[in-house]
Amino acid sequence: MDLGIKGRTAIVCGASKGLGRACAEALAAEGVNLVITARNAEALEATAGEIRGRFKVEVTAAPGDITTQAGVDATLAACPAPDILINNAGGPPVGDWRKFERDQWLAAAESNMVTGIMLIRAVIDGMAERRFGRIINITSAVVKQPNPALALSVAARLGLTGFAKAIAPAYVKSNVTINNLLPERFDTDRLRSNIAKFSGSSDKSVDELMETQAKASTAGRFGRVEEFGAVCAFYCSAHAGFLTGQNVMLDGGAYPGVF
C-alpha cells in the first residue's frame, strides 16, 4: 500500500535506536524526509547516515536532549514546519513510588508530558493551515494498564494522553490527527534495562531472563521494533485522516480489557 506521504517531512524524537529509530526507518521507507533527534550525537549521526544510504531520503540530525528547551529549540530550528511529529522520550526510572522525591516526579512530568505538549503547540497550527498533519505520541501500555513499579511513567504519560484527547477534535477538520501508540515489551534496550532492574538477586543472565519472559508472554515472544514502526507509519499516512484521539495498544494481546 502506498501510504501517500512521499515527500513529507517528519520530526522523529529519540530516533537513534529502539522504537524511535524504527519509526524513522518506516517513514523513510515511504519516502518521508526526516529530522531526527537524540542525546547521543555520535549514534544519531550514524543512524542518519544509515537511513540516508538505505532509503535515499533527506535526513538531518539535530542532536540534543529533547526534554530540555535547548533540545526543543535545536529541533525546531532544523524543522520549523513538519508534516509529521513523532513525540518520543525515554521513560523515567522504575521502582517504589514511595521513594521517589518531588524533583523526580517533576522531571518525569517534564520529560514525558510537558515536552510533548510544547512540541505539539509549536507545530500544530501550521499543520492545520497547510491542511495536513500527523502527530504520534509514543507513550506506554501502562497508560491503560498501570504498573506500580512504573508509577512515574504512568502519571506523566497519562497527562499527555489526556491532553491529546482534549485537543484532537479541534484539528481533525483540518486533516490533522493526534494519536498515541502504547507499546509493551518490545525488544529494546529499555526492556533489557527494566528486566535487569526487576530481576534483583536472580542468578540468571539478562538474556536468560529475556528468553524466559518472552516465552511466558501472551504472544510467546517480545514485539519487534519493525512491527511498531510499520504501525506508526500507517497512522501517519494519508489514509488515516479519519482516525484521531486514539490510544493504540501494541502489547501482543496482554491487555485483558475490551476497551
Protein backbone atom coordinates (compact mmCIF):
# COMPACT_ATOMS: atom_id res chain seq x y z
CA MET A 1 0.00 0.00 0.00
CA ASP A 2 1.23 3.46 -0.89
CA LEU A 3 0.77 5.49 2.29
CA GLY A 4 0.58 8.75 0.36
CA ILE A 5 3.24 10.61 2.36
CA LYS A 6 6.21 10.58 0.00
CA GLY A 7 7.98 13.93 0.11
CA ARG A 8 6.55 14.88 3.50
CA THR A 9 8.85 15.88 6.36
CA ALA A 10 8.84 14.36 9.83
CA ILE A 11 10.44 15.16 13.16
CA VAL A 12 11.22 11.94 15.00
CA CYS A 13 12.37 12.25 18.60
CA GLY A 14 14.55 9.66 20.30
CA ALA A 15 15.43 8.31 16.88
CA SER A 16 18.94 6.94 17.32
CA LYS A 17 17.72 3.50 18.42
CA GLY A 18 14.77 1.43 19.55
CA LEU A 19 11.19 2.38 18.77
CA GLY A 20 12.10 5.90 17.63
CA ARG A 21 14.56 4.61 15.06
CA ALA A 22 12.06 2.02 13.87
CA CYS A 23 9.51 4.79 13.26
CA ALA A 24 12.10 6.87 11.41
CA GLU A 25 13.03 3.95 9.17
CA ALA A 26 9.41 3.06 8.43
CA LEU A 27 8.68 6.66 7.42
CA ALA A 28 11.85 6.86 5.34
CA ALA A 29 10.78 3.70 3.51
CA GLU A 30 7.69 5.65 2.44
CA GLY A 31 9.80 8.50 1.07
CA VAL A 32 9.44 10.82 4.07
CA ASN A 33 12.33 13.22 4.73
CA LEU A 34 13.45 13.29 8.33
CA VAL A 35 14.77 15.48 11.09
CA ILE A 36 15.87 13.13 13.84
CA THR A 37 16.96 13.96 17.34
CA ALA A 38 18.56 12.14 20.27
CA ARG A 39 21.05 12.92 23.01
CA ASN A 40 23.98 10.87 21.72
CA ALA A 41 25.30 12.90 18.78
CA GLU A 42 27.61 10.16 17.50
CA ALA A 43 24.91 7.49 17.49
CA LEU A 44 22.44 9.92 15.93
CA GLU A 45 24.80 10.83 13.09
CA ALA A 46 25.44 7.14 12.44
CA THR A 47 21.71 6.48 12.29
CA ALA A 48 21.18 9.42 9.94
CA GLY A 49 23.86 8.15 7.60
CA GLU A 50 22.46 4.63 7.57
CA ILE A 51 18.92 5.81 6.83
CA ARG A 52 20.13 8.08 4.02
CA GLY A 53 22.04 5.24 2.48
CA ARG A 54 19.19 2.74 2.67
CA PHE A 55 16.22 4.86 1.74
CA LYS A 56 17.65 7.77 -0.28
CA VAL A 57 15.76 10.46 1.63
CA GLU A 58 16.96 13.65 3.27
CA VAL A 59 17.90 13.11 6.90
CA THR A 60 19.02 15.93 9.20
CA ALA A 61 20.47 15.06 12.59
CA ALA A 62 19.62 17.55 15.34
CA PRO A 63 21.43 16.20 18.42
CA GLY A 64 20.27 17.30 21.85
CA ASP A 65 18.09 16.40 24.78
CA ILE A 66 14.53 16.90 23.56
CA THR A 67 13.33 17.13 27.17
CA THR A 68 15.13 20.46 27.53
CA GLN A 69 14.28 23.81 25.98
CA ALA A 70 17.62 23.84 24.19
CA GLY A 71 16.85 20.47 22.64
CA VAL A 72 13.41 21.59 21.53
CA ASP A 73 14.80 24.81 20.07
CA ALA A 74 17.50 22.96 18.11
CA THR A 75 14.99 20.52 16.67
CA LEU A 76 12.51 23.21 15.65
CA ALA A 77 15.31 25.30 14.15
CA ALA A 78 16.14 22.34 11.92
CA CYS A 79 12.48 21.78 11.04
CA PRO A 80 10.06 24.57 11.97
CA ALA A 81 7.19 23.27 9.84
CA PRO A 82 6.98 19.47 9.89
CA ASP A 83 4.12 17.49 8.38
CA ILE A 84 4.61 14.71 10.92
CA LEU A 85 5.71 14.80 14.55
CA ILE A 86 6.71 11.68 16.48
CA ASN A 87 6.96 12.52 20.17
CA ASN A 88 9.20 10.06 21.97
CA ALA A 89 11.26 10.36 25.14
CA GLY A 90 12.88 7.77 27.35
CA GLY A 91 10.90 6.63 30.34
CA PRO A 92 11.70 7.66 33.92
CA PRO A 93 13.23 5.31 36.50
CA VAL A 94 11.37 2.27 37.79
CA GLY A 95 10.99 1.50 41.47
CA ASP A 96 8.94 2.04 44.62
CA TRP A 97 6.87 5.19 44.15
CA ARG A 98 7.18 5.98 47.86
CA LYS A 99 10.89 6.52 47.43
CA PHE A 100 10.71 9.00 44.56
CA GLU A 101 11.22 12.62 45.57
CA ARG A 102 9.43 15.72 44.30
CA ASP A 103 12.16 16.57 41.81
CA GLN A 104 11.86 13.10 40.26
CA TRP A 105 8.11 13.49 39.78
CA LEU A 106 8.64 16.90 38.21
CA ALA A 107 11.40 15.55 35.95
CA ALA A 108 9.11 12.74 34.77
CA ALA A 109 6.34 15.22 34.00
CA GLU A 110 8.78 17.45 32.11
CA SER A 111 10.15 14.58 30.02
CA ASN A 112 7.04 12.56 29.31
CA MET A 113 4.27 15.16 29.32
CA VAL A 114 5.34 18.80 29.06
CA THR A 115 7.93 18.30 26.31
CA GLY A 116 5.39 16.59 24.07
CA ILE A 117 2.82 19.31 24.70
CA MET A 118 5.29 22.08 23.86
CA LEU A 119 6.31 20.41 20.60
CA ILE A 120 2.68 19.93 19.63
CA ARG A 121 1.92 23.57 20.40
CA ALA A 122 4.84 24.68 18.25
CA VAL A 123 3.79 22.82 15.10
CA ILE A 124 0.09 22.00 15.10
CA ASP A 125 -1.37 25.30 13.93
CA GLY A 126 0.99 25.32 10.95
CA MET A 127 -0.13 21.80 10.11
CA ALA A 128 -3.74 22.95 10.22
CA GLU A 129 -3.01 25.88 7.89
CA ARG A 130 -1.36 23.52 5.40
CA ARG A 131 -4.25 21.03 5.73
CA PHE A 132 -2.11 18.07 6.67
CA GLY A 133 -0.61 16.91 9.92
CA ARG A 134 0.04 13.69 11.77
CA ILE A 135 1.14 13.66 15.42
CA ILE A 136 2.06 10.43 17.16
CA ASN A 137 2.88 10.28 20.86
CA ILE A 138 4.80 7.16 21.81
CA THR A 139 3.65 6.55 25.36
CA SER A 140 3.30 3.16 27.07
CA ALA A 141 0.85 0.34 27.73
CA VAL A 142 0.91 1.42 31.37
CA VAL A 143 -1.43 4.23 30.38
CA LYS A 144 -4.21 1.63 30.14
CA GLN A 145 -2.78 -1.00 32.47
CA PRO A 146 -0.87 0.83 35.23
CA ASN A 147 2.03 -0.87 36.97
CA PRO A 148 3.03 0.48 40.40
CA ALA A 149 6.72 -0.05 39.67
CA LEU A 150 6.32 2.35 36.73
CA ALA A 151 4.35 4.97 38.65
CA LEU A 152 6.47 7.87 37.40
CA SER A 153 5.76 6.87 33.83
CA VAL A 154 2.06 6.23 34.49
CA ALA A 155 1.49 9.67 35.99
CA ALA A 156 3.36 11.66 33.36
CA ARG A 157 2.15 9.77 30.30
CA LEU A 158 -1.47 9.90 31.40
CA GLY A 159 -1.16 13.68 31.40
CA LEU A 160 -0.01 13.71 27.77
CA THR A 161 -2.71 11.20 26.86
CA GLY A 162 -5.45 13.34 28.33
CA PHE A 163 -4.12 16.47 26.67
CA ALA A 164 -4.00 14.79 23.25
CA LYS A 165 -7.57 13.59 23.56
CA ALA A 166 -8.74 17.03 24.67
CA ILE A 167 -7.40 18.88 21.63
CA ALA A 168 -7.64 16.26 18.87
CA PRO A 169 -11.27 17.03 17.87
CA ALA A 170 -10.45 20.68 17.20
CA TYR A 171 -7.95 19.78 14.45
CA VAL A 172 -9.40 16.83 12.58
CA LYS A 173 -11.40 19.09 10.23
CA SER A 174 -8.05 20.47 9.08
CA ASN A 175 -6.77 16.95 8.33
CA VAL A 176 -4.54 16.97 11.40
CA THR A 177 -4.68 13.93 13.65
CA ILE A 178 -3.20 13.11 17.04
CA ASN A 179 -2.86 9.52 18.19
CA ASN A 180 -0.96 7.67 20.89
CA LEU A 181 0.89 4.39 20.44
CA LEU A 182 1.14 2.34 23.64
CA PRO A 183 3.93 -0.25 23.44
CA GLU A 184 4.63 -3.02 25.90
CA ARG A 185 7.56 -5.45 25.89
CA PHE A 186 9.31 -4.69 22.64
CA ASP A 187 12.85 -5.99 22.29
CA THR A 188 14.70 -2.78 23.12
CA ASP A 189 17.48 -1.59 25.40
CA ARG A 190 14.82 -0.11 27.70
CA LEU A 191 13.18 -3.51 28.13
CA ARG A 192 16.51 -5.15 28.90
CA SER A 193 17.26 -2.46 31.46
CA ASN A 194 13.90 -2.90 33.18
CA ILE A 195 14.23 -6.68 33.28
CA ALA A 196 17.67 -6.33 34.82
CA LYS A 197 16.27 -3.89 37.38
CA PHE A 198 13.38 -6.17 38.34
CA SER A 199 15.47 -9.33 38.43
CA GLY A 200 17.04 -8.37 41.76
CA SER A 201 19.19 -11.19 43.08
CA SER A 202 18.47 -13.63 40.25
CA ASP A 203 21.50 -15.64 39.22
CA LYS A 204 20.31 -15.76 35.60
CA SER A 205 21.76 -13.53 32.89
CA VAL A 206 19.61 -10.83 31.31
CA ASP A 207 19.50 -12.89 28.09
CA GLU A 208 18.16 -15.87 30.02
CA LEU A 209 15.57 -13.72 31.76
CA MET A 210 14.56 -12.18 28.43
CA GLU A 211 14.06 -15.62 26.89
CA THR A 212 12.05 -16.90 29.85
CA GLN A 213 9.79 -13.87 29.97
CA ALA A 214 9.28 -13.84 26.21
CA LYS A 215 8.12 -17.45 26.22
CA ALA A 216 5.78 -16.77 29.14
CA SER A 217 4.15 -13.75 27.46
CA THR A 218 0.74 -13.89 25.80
CA ALA A 219 2.25 -13.84 22.31
CA GLY A 220 5.12 -16.14 23.24
CA ARG A 221 7.61 -13.51 22.19
CA PHE A 222 8.51 -9.85 22.51
CA GLY A 223 7.48 -7.35 19.88
CA ARG A 224 9.85 -6.45 17.07
CA VAL A 225 10.61 -2.78 16.65
CA GLU A 226 9.93 -3.07 12.91
CA GLU A 227 6.34 -4.01 13.72
CA PHE A 228 5.97 -0.91 15.81
CA GLY A 229 7.45 1.29 13.09
CA ALA A 230 5.02 -0.08 10.50
CA VAL A 231 2.01 0.76 12.67
CA CYS A 232 3.38 4.23 13.26
CA ALA A 233 3.84 4.81 9.52
CA PHE A 234 0.26 3.83 8.79
CA TYR A 235 -1.11 6.19 11.44
CA CYS A 236 0.94 8.93 9.74
CA SER A 237 -0.45 8.06 6.32
CA ALA A 238 -2.82 9.90 4.04
CA HIS A 239 -5.34 7.11 4.71
CA ALA A 240 -5.60 7.77 8.45
CA GLY A 241 -7.27 11.17 8.38
CA PHE A 242 -10.49 9.89 9.98
CA LEU A 243 -8.66 8.32 12.93
CA THR A 244 -7.74 10.61 15.78
CA GLY A 245 -7.59 10.82 19.56
CA GLN A 246 -6.94 7.08 19.90
CA ASN A 247 -4.75 5.01 22.21
CA VAL A 248 -3.44 2.03 20.31
CA MET A 249 -2.13 -0.89 22.36
CA LEU A 250 0.80 -2.80 20.87
CA ASP A 251 1.20 -5.45 23.54
CA GLY A 252 0.79 -8.84 21.91
CA GLY A 253 -2.63 -9.31 23.48
CA ALA A 254 -1.52 -8.85 27.08
CA TYR A 255 -4.13 -6.23 28.00
CA PRO A 256 -7.23 -8.06 29.31
CA GLY A 257 -9.78 -5.29 28.77
CA VAL A 258 -12.27 -4.80 25.97
CA PHE A 259 -11.79 -1.02 25.69
